[in-house]
């Protein structure tokens, strides 16, 4: 199994499940607040997948998160941040990390605190590299 996979503790399934709406809401709020911040290009340096399985009383459910670490330059100084996405299956999260790792994205940074950054989906100009359709020759 690839080294960037990490199984999470199954006992944490309920906590992770309950935290999802809170994390989603926080992410949306940060994105809204950052809408007017300056934009810069970032390079995705790292990627990891965390996954687990659990059940609240029914069938066992799988969940996974993909966490991408990026770096960006503001006024000659390098900063870093991360972006997290949730997936139903670990393989989907692993594919997401594989597609984005090493790529470039746009991030917004706080004008007075450039160490604070946000990756907004609506700021991205292209899909991940593996999703770019290839042209067929006739």
N, C-alpha and C. Protein backbone atom coordinates (compact mmCIF):
# COMPACT_ATOMS: atom_id res chain seq x y z
N UNK A 1 0.84 -1.18 0.00
CA UNK A 1 0.00 0.00 0.00
C UNK A 1 0.89 1.25 0.00
N UNK A 2 0.54 2.28 -0.78
CA UNK A 2 1.37 3.49 -0.84
C UNK A 2 1.55 4.14 0.52
N UNK A 3 2.67 4.80 0.71
CA UNK A 3 3.00 5.37 2.00
C UNK A 3 2.15 6.58 2.37
N UNK A 4 1.46 7.19 1.41
CA UNK A 4 0.67 8.36 1.77
C UNK A 4 -0.76 8.00 2.15
N UNK A 5 -1.05 6.73 2.36
CA UNK A 5 -2.32 6.28 2.92
C UNK A 5 -2.13 6.13 4.43
N UNK A 6 -3.09 6.55 5.20
CA UNK A 6 -3.02 6.37 6.65
C UNK A 6 -4.40 6.00 7.17
N UNK A 7 -4.56 4.80 7.73
CA UNK A 7 -5.87 4.47 8.28
C UNK A 7 -6.11 5.26 9.56
N UNK A 8 -7.33 5.72 9.73
CA UNK A 8 -7.66 6.42 10.96
C UNK A 8 -8.23 5.43 11.96
N UNK A 9 -8.33 5.83 13.18
CA UNK A 9 -8.87 5.01 14.24
C UNK A 9 -10.37 4.86 14.05
N UNK A 10 -10.86 3.62 13.93
CA UNK A 10 -12.29 3.38 13.70
C UNK A 10 -13.17 3.95 14.81
N UNK A 11 -12.62 4.09 16.01
CA UNK A 11 -13.42 4.63 17.11
C UNK A 11 -13.74 6.10 16.89
N UNK A 12 -12.96 6.76 16.04
CA UNK A 12 -13.19 8.17 15.76
C UNK A 12 -14.23 8.41 14.67
N UNK A 13 -14.84 7.34 14.15
CA UNK A 13 -15.79 7.47 13.05
C UNK A 13 -16.95 8.39 13.41
N UNK A 14 -17.55 8.18 14.57
CA UNK A 14 -18.69 9.00 14.97
C UNK A 14 -18.29 10.47 15.09
N UNK A 15 -17.16 10.74 15.70
CA UNK A 15 -16.70 12.12 15.84
C UNK A 15 -16.44 12.76 14.48
N UNK A 16 -15.81 12.01 13.58
CA UNK A 16 -15.55 12.53 12.24
C UNK A 16 -16.86 12.81 11.51
N UNK A 17 -17.81 11.91 11.63
CA UNK A 17 -19.10 12.07 10.98
C UNK A 17 -19.83 13.30 11.51
N UNK A 18 -19.80 13.48 12.81
CA UNK A 18 -20.47 14.64 13.41
C UNK A 18 -19.76 15.96 13.08
N UNK A 19 -18.46 15.90 12.88
CA UNK A 19 -17.70 17.12 12.60
C UNK A 19 -17.81 17.58 11.15
N UNK A 20 -18.24 16.70 10.24
CA UNK A 20 -18.29 17.06 8.82
C UNK A 20 -19.10 18.34 8.54
N UNK A 21 -20.33 18.47 9.03
CA UNK A 21 -21.08 19.71 8.74
C UNK A 21 -20.40 20.95 9.30
N UNK A 22 -19.79 20.83 10.47
CA UNK A 22 -19.09 21.96 11.08
C UNK A 22 -17.90 22.37 10.22
N UNK A 23 -17.12 21.40 9.78
CA UNK A 23 -15.97 21.69 8.92
C UNK A 23 -16.40 22.28 7.59
N UNK A 24 -17.48 21.74 7.01
CA UNK A 24 -17.97 22.26 5.74
C UNK A 24 -18.41 23.71 5.90
N UNK A 25 -19.13 24.02 6.97
CA UNK A 25 -19.59 25.38 7.21
C UNK A 25 -18.43 26.34 7.43
N UNK A 26 -17.44 25.91 8.16
CA UNK A 26 -16.25 26.74 8.41
C UNK A 26 -15.50 27.00 7.10
N UNK A 27 -15.40 25.99 6.27
CA UNK A 27 -14.72 26.13 4.99
C UNK A 27 -15.47 27.13 4.10
N UNK A 28 -16.79 27.06 4.07
CA UNK A 28 -17.60 27.99 3.26
C UNK A 28 -17.45 29.42 3.77
N UNK A 29 -17.45 29.60 5.08
CA UNK A 29 -17.30 30.93 5.66
C UNK A 29 -15.94 31.53 5.32
N UNK A 30 -14.87 30.73 5.45
CA UNK A 30 -13.53 31.21 5.10
C UNK A 30 -13.45 31.59 3.63
N UNK A 31 -14.06 30.80 2.77
CA UNK A 31 -14.06 31.08 1.34
C UNK A 31 -14.78 32.40 1.05
N UNK A 32 -15.90 32.61 1.70
CA UNK A 32 -16.66 33.85 1.52
C UNK A 32 -15.85 35.06 1.97
N UNK A 33 -15.23 34.96 3.13
CA UNK A 33 -14.43 36.08 3.67
C UNK A 33 -13.21 36.39 2.80
N UNK A 34 -12.65 35.36 2.15
CA UNK A 34 -11.44 35.54 1.36
C UNK A 34 -11.72 35.99 -0.08
N UNK A 35 -12.96 36.16 -0.45
CA UNK A 35 -13.32 36.46 -1.84
C UNK A 35 -12.64 37.72 -2.37
N UNK A 36 -12.31 38.67 -1.54
CA UNK A 36 -11.69 39.92 -1.99
C UNK A 36 -10.19 39.98 -1.73
N UNK A 37 -9.61 38.93 -1.15
CA UNK A 37 -8.18 38.90 -0.89
C UNK A 37 -7.41 38.77 -2.21
N UNK A 38 -6.15 39.19 -2.24
CA UNK A 38 -5.32 39.02 -3.45
C UNK A 38 -5.14 37.53 -3.78
N UNK A 39 -4.91 37.25 -5.06
CA UNK A 39 -4.72 35.88 -5.53
C UNK A 39 -3.27 35.70 -5.96
N UNK A 40 -2.71 34.52 -5.67
CA UNK A 40 -1.38 34.17 -6.13
C UNK A 40 -1.35 32.70 -6.53
N UNK A 41 -0.33 32.32 -7.26
CA UNK A 41 -0.18 30.92 -7.67
C UNK A 41 0.53 30.14 -6.57
N UNK A 42 0.07 28.92 -6.34
CA UNK A 42 0.68 28.03 -5.35
C UNK A 42 1.04 26.72 -6.02
N UNK A 43 2.02 26.03 -5.46
CA UNK A 43 2.44 24.72 -5.95
C UNK A 43 2.08 23.68 -4.90
N UNK A 44 1.44 22.62 -5.32
CA UNK A 44 1.08 21.55 -4.38
C UNK A 44 2.29 20.68 -4.14
N UNK A 45 2.78 20.73 -2.91
CA UNK A 45 4.02 20.04 -2.54
C UNK A 45 3.78 18.66 -1.94
N UNK A 46 2.72 18.51 -1.16
CA UNK A 46 2.48 17.26 -0.44
C UNK A 46 1.03 16.83 -0.58
N UNK A 47 0.80 15.56 -0.35
CA UNK A 47 -0.55 15.03 -0.35
C UNK A 47 -0.62 13.79 0.52
N UNK A 48 -1.71 13.68 1.26
CA UNK A 48 -1.90 12.49 2.09
C UNK A 48 -3.37 12.15 2.14
N UNK A 49 -3.65 10.87 2.38
CA UNK A 49 -5.01 10.38 2.48
C UNK A 49 -5.19 9.72 3.84
N UNK A 50 -6.24 10.10 4.53
CA UNK A 50 -6.63 9.47 5.80
C UNK A 50 -7.99 8.84 5.59
N UNK A 51 -8.18 7.62 6.04
CA UNK A 51 -9.47 6.98 5.85
C UNK A 51 -9.84 6.12 7.04
N UNK A 52 -11.11 5.74 7.07
CA UNK A 52 -11.60 4.88 8.13
C UNK A 52 -12.92 4.25 7.73
N UNK A 53 -13.39 3.35 8.57
CA UNK A 53 -14.68 2.69 8.37
C UNK A 53 -15.38 2.69 9.72
N UNK A 54 -16.70 2.73 9.67
CA UNK A 54 -17.45 2.69 10.91
C UNK A 54 -18.93 2.53 10.64
N UNK A 55 -19.67 2.37 11.71
CA UNK A 55 -21.11 2.19 11.60
C UNK A 55 -21.79 2.83 12.79
N UNK A 56 -22.90 3.49 12.55
CA UNK A 56 -23.68 4.07 13.64
C UNK A 56 -24.77 3.12 14.10
N UNK A 57 -25.04 2.06 13.37
CA UNK A 57 -25.98 1.01 13.72
C UNK A 57 -26.44 0.29 12.47
N UNK A 58 -26.05 0.76 11.32
CA UNK A 58 -26.43 0.14 10.06
C UNK A 58 -25.22 -0.45 9.39
N UNK A 59 -25.23 -0.42 8.06
CA UNK A 59 -24.09 -0.95 7.32
C UNK A 59 -22.82 -0.14 7.59
N UNK A 60 -21.71 -0.79 7.45
CA UNK A 60 -20.41 -0.14 7.66
C UNK A 60 -20.20 0.87 6.54
N UNK A 61 -19.81 2.08 6.90
CA UNK A 61 -19.56 3.13 5.93
C UNK A 61 -18.07 3.43 5.88
N UNK A 62 -17.59 3.80 4.73
CA UNK A 62 -16.20 4.20 4.56
C UNK A 62 -16.17 5.70 4.34
N UNK A 63 -15.13 6.35 4.80
CA UNK A 63 -14.94 7.77 4.56
C UNK A 63 -13.44 8.02 4.41
N UNK A 64 -13.11 9.10 3.72
CA UNK A 64 -11.70 9.42 3.51
C UNK A 64 -11.54 10.92 3.35
N UNK A 65 -10.37 11.41 3.70
CA UNK A 65 -10.04 12.81 3.45
C UNK A 65 -8.71 12.85 2.69
N UNK A 66 -8.66 13.79 1.77
CA UNK A 66 -7.42 14.05 1.04
C UNK A 66 -6.93 15.41 1.52
N UNK A 67 -5.69 15.47 1.93
CA UNK A 67 -5.10 16.73 2.42
C UNK A 67 -3.91 17.08 1.54
N UNK A 68 -4.00 18.23 0.87
CA UNK A 68 -2.94 18.70 -0.01
C UNK A 68 -2.24 19.89 0.63
N UNK A 69 -0.93 19.84 0.69
CA UNK A 69 -0.13 20.95 1.21
C UNK A 69 0.45 21.75 0.06
N UNK A 70 0.35 23.07 0.14
CA UNK A 70 0.85 23.91 -0.95
C UNK A 70 1.74 25.02 -0.41
N UNK A 71 2.58 25.57 -1.30
CA UNK A 71 3.42 26.71 -0.94
C UNK A 71 3.17 27.82 -1.95
N UNK A 72 3.35 29.07 -1.49
CA UNK A 72 3.13 30.23 -2.34
C UNK A 72 4.05 31.36 -1.91
N UNK A 73 4.28 32.27 -2.83
CA UNK A 73 5.22 33.37 -2.63
C UNK A 73 4.46 34.70 -2.60
N UNK A 74 4.73 35.51 -1.57
CA UNK A 74 4.15 36.85 -1.45
C UNK A 74 5.27 37.81 -1.07
N UNK A 75 5.53 38.77 -1.92
CA UNK A 75 6.56 39.79 -1.69
C UNK A 75 7.90 39.18 -1.28
N UNK A 76 8.32 38.15 -2.01
CA UNK A 76 9.62 37.53 -1.77
C UNK A 76 9.67 36.56 -0.62
N UNK A 77 8.57 36.34 0.08
CA UNK A 77 8.54 35.43 1.24
C UNK A 77 7.66 34.22 0.92
N UNK A 78 8.14 33.00 1.23
CA UNK A 78 7.36 31.78 1.01
C UNK A 78 6.47 31.50 2.22
N UNK A 79 5.26 31.03 1.91
CA UNK A 79 4.29 30.62 2.92
C UNK A 79 3.71 29.27 2.50
N UNK A 80 3.02 28.64 3.41
CA UNK A 80 2.39 27.36 3.07
C UNK A 80 0.99 27.28 3.67
N UNK A 81 0.21 26.41 3.10
CA UNK A 81 -1.15 26.17 3.58
C UNK A 81 -1.58 24.77 3.17
N UNK A 82 -2.80 24.42 3.48
CA UNK A 82 -3.30 23.11 3.09
C UNK A 82 -4.76 23.20 2.69
N UNK A 83 -5.18 22.21 1.93
CA UNK A 83 -6.55 22.11 1.45
C UNK A 83 -7.02 20.69 1.71
N UNK A 84 -8.21 20.53 2.26
CA UNK A 84 -8.75 19.22 2.58
C UNK A 84 -10.07 18.99 1.87
N UNK A 85 -10.24 17.81 1.31
CA UNK A 85 -11.50 17.40 0.68
C UNK A 85 -11.93 16.07 1.29
N UNK A 86 -13.24 15.89 1.42
CA UNK A 86 -13.82 14.65 1.95
C UNK A 86 -14.31 13.77 0.81
N UNK A 87 -14.16 12.46 0.97
CA UNK A 87 -14.60 11.49 -0.03
C UNK A 87 -15.29 10.32 0.65
N UNK A 88 -16.15 9.66 -0.10
CA UNK A 88 -16.83 8.48 0.42
C UNK A 88 -15.90 7.27 0.44
N UNK A 89 -14.98 7.21 -0.54
CA UNK A 89 -14.08 6.06 -0.65
C UNK A 89 -12.63 6.52 -0.66
N UNK A 90 -11.78 5.72 -0.02
CA UNK A 90 -10.35 6.04 0.06
C UNK A 90 -9.71 6.12 -1.32
N UNK A 91 -10.11 5.25 -2.24
CA UNK A 91 -9.49 5.26 -3.56
C UNK A 91 -9.77 6.58 -4.28
N UNK A 92 -10.97 7.14 -4.11
CA UNK A 92 -11.28 8.44 -4.72
C UNK A 92 -10.37 9.54 -4.15
N UNK A 93 -10.13 9.49 -2.85
CA UNK A 93 -9.25 10.48 -2.22
C UNK A 93 -7.82 10.31 -2.72
N UNK A 94 -7.38 9.06 -2.84
CA UNK A 94 -6.02 8.81 -3.34
C UNK A 94 -5.88 9.31 -4.78
N UNK A 95 -6.90 9.08 -5.62
CA UNK A 95 -6.87 9.55 -7.00
C UNK A 95 -6.82 11.08 -7.05
N UNK A 96 -7.53 11.74 -6.14
CA UNK A 96 -7.53 13.20 -6.07
C UNK A 96 -6.13 13.72 -5.74
N UNK A 97 -5.49 13.11 -4.75
CA UNK A 97 -4.14 13.52 -4.37
C UNK A 97 -3.18 13.29 -5.53
N UNK A 98 -3.27 12.14 -6.17
CA UNK A 98 -2.39 11.82 -7.30
C UNK A 98 -2.58 12.83 -8.43
N UNK A 99 -3.81 13.22 -8.70
CA UNK A 99 -4.09 14.15 -9.79
C UNK A 99 -3.54 15.55 -9.52
N UNK A 100 -3.61 16.00 -8.28
CA UNK A 100 -3.22 17.38 -7.96
C UNK A 100 -1.76 17.54 -7.55
N UNK A 101 -1.16 16.51 -6.95
CA UNK A 101 0.20 16.64 -6.41
C UNK A 101 1.19 17.07 -7.48
N UNK A 102 1.96 18.12 -7.19
CA UNK A 102 2.92 18.68 -8.14
C UNK A 102 2.32 19.73 -9.05
N UNK A 103 1.01 19.91 -8.99
CA UNK A 103 0.34 20.88 -9.84
C UNK A 103 0.32 22.28 -9.25
N UNK A 104 -0.25 23.19 -10.00
CA UNK A 104 -0.36 24.58 -9.56
C UNK A 104 -1.82 24.95 -9.39
N UNK A 105 -2.07 25.76 -8.38
CA UNK A 105 -3.42 26.23 -8.09
C UNK A 105 -3.36 27.71 -7.73
N UNK A 106 -4.50 28.32 -7.66
CA UNK A 106 -4.59 29.70 -7.20
C UNK A 106 -5.08 29.68 -5.76
N UNK A 107 -4.45 30.47 -4.93
CA UNK A 107 -4.91 30.63 -3.55
C UNK A 107 -5.04 32.12 -3.25
N UNK A 108 -5.90 32.43 -2.33
CA UNK A 108 -6.04 33.81 -1.87
C UNK A 108 -5.36 33.93 -0.51
N UNK A 109 -4.71 35.06 -0.29
CA UNK A 109 -4.03 35.28 0.98
C UNK A 109 -4.49 36.60 1.59
N UNK A 110 -4.47 36.64 2.90
CA UNK A 110 -4.88 37.83 3.64
C UNK A 110 -3.90 38.96 3.33
N UNK A 111 -4.39 40.15 2.94
CA UNK A 111 -3.47 41.23 2.55
C UNK A 111 -2.54 41.70 3.66
N UNK A 112 -2.96 41.64 4.91
CA UNK A 112 -2.10 42.09 6.03
C UNK A 112 -1.43 40.92 6.75
N UNK A 113 -1.93 39.71 6.52
CA UNK A 113 -1.35 38.51 7.14
C UNK A 113 -1.19 37.46 6.05
N UNK A 114 -0.17 37.58 5.21
CA UNK A 114 -0.04 36.67 4.06
C UNK A 114 0.15 35.21 4.43
N UNK A 115 0.42 34.92 5.70
CA UNK A 115 0.51 33.52 6.11
C UNK A 115 -0.85 32.84 6.16
N UNK A 116 -1.94 33.61 6.10
CA UNK A 116 -3.30 33.07 6.05
C UNK A 116 -3.72 32.97 4.60
N UNK A 117 -4.08 31.76 4.17
CA UNK A 117 -4.48 31.56 2.78
C UNK A 117 -5.70 30.66 2.69
N UNK A 118 -6.39 30.77 1.55
CA UNK A 118 -7.58 29.95 1.29
C UNK A 118 -7.53 29.48 -0.15
N UNK A 119 -7.76 28.19 -0.35
CA UNK A 119 -7.91 27.60 -1.69
C UNK A 119 -9.40 27.59 -1.95
N UNK A 120 -9.85 28.37 -2.92
CA UNK A 120 -11.27 28.42 -3.28
C UNK A 120 -11.47 27.71 -4.61
N UNK A 121 -12.40 26.77 -4.64
CA UNK A 121 -12.67 26.01 -5.87
C UNK A 121 -13.00 26.93 -7.03
N UNK A 122 -13.75 28.00 -6.76
CA UNK A 122 -14.17 28.89 -7.84
C UNK A 122 -13.02 29.70 -8.43
N UNK A 123 -11.87 29.73 -7.79
CA UNK A 123 -10.71 30.45 -8.31
C UNK A 123 -9.83 29.60 -9.23
N UNK A 124 -10.10 28.32 -9.29
CA UNK A 124 -9.24 27.44 -10.09
C UNK A 124 -9.61 27.55 -11.56
N UNK A 125 -8.61 27.62 -12.42
CA UNK A 125 -8.85 27.83 -13.85
C UNK A 125 -8.86 26.53 -14.65
N UNK A 126 -8.47 25.43 -14.05
CA UNK A 126 -8.45 24.17 -14.79
C UNK A 126 -8.68 23.01 -13.82
N UNK A 127 -9.24 21.90 -14.32
CA UNK A 127 -9.40 20.72 -13.47
C UNK A 127 -8.05 20.08 -13.20
N UNK A 128 -7.99 19.10 -12.28
CA UNK A 128 -6.73 18.42 -12.01
C UNK A 128 -6.15 17.84 -13.31
N UNK A 129 -4.84 17.67 -13.40
CA UNK A 129 -4.19 17.21 -14.63
C UNK A 129 -4.78 15.94 -15.24
N UNK A 130 -5.12 14.93 -14.44
CA UNK A 130 -5.65 13.67 -15.00
C UNK A 130 -7.05 13.84 -15.59
N UNK A 131 -7.74 14.90 -15.23
CA UNK A 131 -9.09 15.10 -15.73
C UNK A 131 -9.14 15.94 -17.00
N UNK A 132 -8.02 16.43 -17.45
CA UNK A 132 -7.98 17.24 -18.66
C UNK A 132 -8.16 16.30 -19.85
N UNK A 133 -9.21 16.50 -20.67
CA UNK A 133 -9.42 15.58 -21.80
C UNK A 133 -8.30 15.72 -22.83
N UNK A 134 -7.94 14.61 -23.41
CA UNK A 134 -6.93 14.64 -24.47
C UNK A 134 -7.63 14.78 -25.81
N UNK A 135 -6.98 15.44 -26.73
CA UNK A 135 -7.56 15.64 -28.05
C UNK A 135 -7.38 14.39 -28.88
N UNK A 136 -8.43 13.97 -29.55
CA UNK A 136 -8.34 12.79 -30.41
C UNK A 136 -7.93 13.22 -31.80
N UNK A 137 -7.02 12.48 -32.40
CA UNK A 137 -6.63 12.81 -33.77
C UNK A 137 -7.60 12.16 -34.74
N UNK A 138 -7.87 12.84 -35.84
CA UNK A 138 -8.84 12.34 -36.79
C UNK A 138 -8.22 11.51 -37.89
